Protein backbone atom coordinates (compact mmCIF):
# COMPACT_ATOMS: atom_id res chain seq x y z
CA MET A 1 -57.60 17.33 -1.52
CA PRO A 2 -59.04 14.86 1.54
CA ARG A 3 -58.63 16.02 4.99
CA GLY A 4 -55.81 13.60 6.63
CA LEU A 5 -53.59 14.00 3.78
CA PRO A 6 -51.77 17.42 5.26
CA GLN A 7 -51.05 15.72 8.38
CA VAL A 8 -49.17 12.74 6.27
CA THR A 9 -46.15 15.09 5.58
CA PRO A 10 -44.84 15.52 9.60
CA VAL A 11 -45.56 11.69 10.37
CA ARG A 12 -43.13 10.99 6.95
CA HIS A 13 -40.96 13.81 8.42
CA LEU A 14 -40.78 11.99 11.66
CA PHE A 15 -40.33 8.75 9.95
CA THR A 16 -37.67 9.62 7.51
CA SER A 17 -35.73 11.77 10.87
CA ARG A 18 -35.79 8.37 12.79
CA LEU A 19 -34.48 6.39 10.09
CA ALA A 20 -31.87 8.77 9.41
CA ARG A 21 -30.52 8.99 12.61
CA PRO A 22 -28.43 5.99 13.10
CA LYS A 23 -27.07 6.38 9.85
CA LEU A 24 -26.25 10.08 10.58
CA GLU A 25 -25.12 8.67 14.18
CA ALA A 26 -22.52 6.50 12.22
CA THR A 27 -21.15 9.01 10.21
CA VAL A 28 -20.17 10.96 12.69
CA ARG A 29 -18.12 8.12 14.78
CA ALA A 30 -16.46 7.48 11.13
CA LEU A 31 -15.63 11.00 10.55
CA VAL A 32 -13.71 11.06 14.24
CA ARG A 33 -12.28 8.00 13.62
CA THR A 34 -11.05 9.83 10.28
CA ALA A 35 -9.00 12.28 12.70
CA VAL A 36 -7.75 9.98 14.81
CA TYR A 37 -6.67 8.05 12.57
CA LEU A 38 -4.87 10.80 10.91
CA ALA A 39 -3.41 12.61 14.05
CA ALA A 40 -2.85 9.43 15.59
CA ALA A 41 0.26 8.45 12.85
CA ASP A 42 2.78 10.35 14.40
CA GLY A 43 2.35 8.43 17.66
CA LYS A 44 0.51 11.02 19.41
CA VAL A 45 -2.92 13.19 19.13
CA GLU A 46 -2.22 16.38 20.98
CA GLU A 47 -4.53 18.57 22.74
CA PRO A 48 -4.91 21.38 19.94
CA GLU A 49 -5.53 18.16 17.49
CA VAL A 50 -8.26 17.49 19.58
CA GLU A 51 -9.78 20.93 20.37
CA ALA A 52 -9.31 21.54 15.97
CA LEU A 53 -11.31 17.85 15.93
CA VAL A 54 -14.17 19.33 18.00
CA ASP A 55 -14.50 22.64 16.29
CA HIS A 56 -14.50 21.35 12.84
CA LEU A 57 -16.90 18.05 12.92
CA ARG A 58 -19.30 20.67 14.58
CA ALA A 59 -19.17 22.83 11.60
CA VAL A 60 -19.25 19.83 9.15
CA MET A 61 -22.41 18.86 11.20
CA ALA A 62 -24.04 22.09 11.20
CA ARG A 63 -24.05 22.09 7.53
CA ALA A 64 -25.04 18.63 7.39
CA VAL A 65 -28.33 18.92 10.05
CA GLY A 66 -28.49 22.52 10.55
CA ALA A 67 -26.71 24.58 13.15
CA GLU A 68 -29.71 24.41 15.47
CA ASN A 69 -29.79 20.69 15.48
CA VAL A 70 -26.12 20.45 15.83
CA ASP A 71 -26.25 19.54 20.06
CA GLU A 72 -28.10 16.78 18.87
CA TYR A 73 -25.67 14.71 17.24
CA ALA A 74 -21.93 16.31 17.93
CA THR A 75 -22.19 17.70 21.41
CA VAL A 76 -18.66 18.27 23.11
CA PRO A 77 -18.08 15.32 25.45
CA VAL A 78 -20.17 12.90 23.05
CA LEU A 79 -17.03 13.84 20.48
CA LEU A 80 -14.27 13.28 23.13
CA ASP A 81 -15.94 9.86 24.20
CA THR A 82 -15.99 9.41 20.59
CA ALA A 83 -12.33 9.75 19.95
CA ARG A 84 -11.22 8.03 22.98
CA ALA A 85 -13.59 5.15 21.83
CA ALA A 86 -11.67 5.55 18.29
CA THR A 87 -7.93 5.25 19.33
CA ARG A 88 -8.61 2.50 21.61
CA ALA A 89 -10.30 0.66 18.32
CA LEU A 90 -7.54 2.17 16.37
CA HIS A 91 -4.89 -0.23 18.50
CA ALA A 92 -7.24 -3.58 18.66
CA GLU A 93 -8.30 -3.47 15.03
CA GLY A 94 -4.79 -2.38 12.94
CA GLU A 95 -4.35 0.08 10.76
CA ALA A 96 -6.06 -1.69 7.73
CA ALA A 97 -9.48 -3.19 9.38
CA TYR A 98 -9.77 0.47 11.20
CA VAL A 99 -9.31 2.19 7.88
CA ALA A 100 -11.75 -0.12 5.66
CA GLY A 101 -14.33 0.46 8.18
CA ILE A 102 -14.23 4.33 7.48
CA ALA A 103 -14.74 3.56 4.13
CA GLU A 104 -17.08 1.49 4.51
CA VAL A 105 -19.78 3.87 6.56
CA LEU A 106 -18.55 7.59 4.76
CA GLU A 107 -20.31 8.22 1.60
CA GLY A 108 -21.08 10.94 -0.84
CA ASP A 109 -19.42 14.55 0.30
CA PHE A 110 -18.69 12.95 3.66
CA ARG A 111 -15.67 11.15 2.25
CA ARG A 112 -13.97 14.63 1.12
CA ASP A 113 -15.18 16.38 4.47
CA ALA A 114 -13.50 13.50 6.73
CA LEU A 115 -10.56 13.87 4.39
CA LYS A 116 -10.68 17.95 5.04
CA LEU A 117 -11.21 17.71 8.63
CA ALA A 118 -8.32 15.04 9.00
CA VAL A 119 -6.37 17.79 7.92
CA GLU A 120 -7.19 20.19 9.42
CA VAL A 121 -7.13 18.35 12.72
CA VAL A 122 -3.10 17.53 12.29
CA ARG A 123 -2.51 21.03 10.96
CA ALA A 124 -3.66 22.47 14.33
CA ASN A 125 -0.44 21.81 15.94
CA GLY A 126 1.37 23.88 13.46
CA THR A 127 3.50 20.78 12.35
CA ILE A 128 2.50 17.83 9.66
CA SER A 129 4.63 14.81 9.89
CA ALA A 130 5.93 12.30 7.05
CA ALA A 131 3.76 9.81 8.89
CA GLU A 132 0.58 11.79 8.68
CA LYS A 133 1.37 12.39 5.18
CA ARG A 134 1.79 8.92 4.25
CA ALA A 135 -1.56 8.20 6.38
CA ALA A 136 -3.54 10.69 4.44
CA GLU A 137 -2.36 9.37 1.26
CA THR A 138 -4.03 6.01 2.88
CA LEU A 139 -7.10 7.50 3.86
CA ALA A 140 -7.68 9.33 -0.01
CA ARG A 141 -7.05 5.92 -1.49
CA ALA A 142 -9.29 4.25 0.93
CA LEU A 143 -12.20 7.08 0.44
CA GLY A 144 -11.73 6.75 -3.32
CA VAL A 145 -11.08 11.13 -2.99
CA PRO A 146 -8.43 12.49 -5.18
CA ALA A 147 -4.97 12.92 -3.07
CA GLY A 148 -4.37 16.19 -4.79
CA ASP A 149 -8.02 17.66 -3.99
CA VAL A 150 -6.86 17.59 -0.23
CA LEU A 151 -3.09 16.88 0.33
CA ASP A 152 -2.40 19.78 -1.94
CA GLN A 153 -2.86 21.36 1.73
CA LEU A 154 -0.48 19.57 3.86
């Protein structure tokens, strides 16, 4: 084996990490936007919902990037700022464009994780409104997730 070959792996890993970071950051934003969409469906996002958003999203990210890397992508202040920006975007873009934007970014297992995360967020305040259920159905359709997989929890 040539001498220089073992050094290729760390360089390749570094290159892959740099390419993956923007995509992962966009996924985090889309996960937050999903939870905000569902939580805001009843006209208000309550404190327990915000706390659940932070806790559950950090858990999703720990599974995706490892617990040791969560703070690199999902610090509490960043998540709170992202949630505020998502709330403003929902009002500025309108529901259809907002949901389409989420569906455009999320891929694979993150689609189901996003819907599960959003459901856990709305469950945090102890009540799930009819508007939140309708919003969950809209999200499930947009994300291509069988509604029964997640919505049976509502």
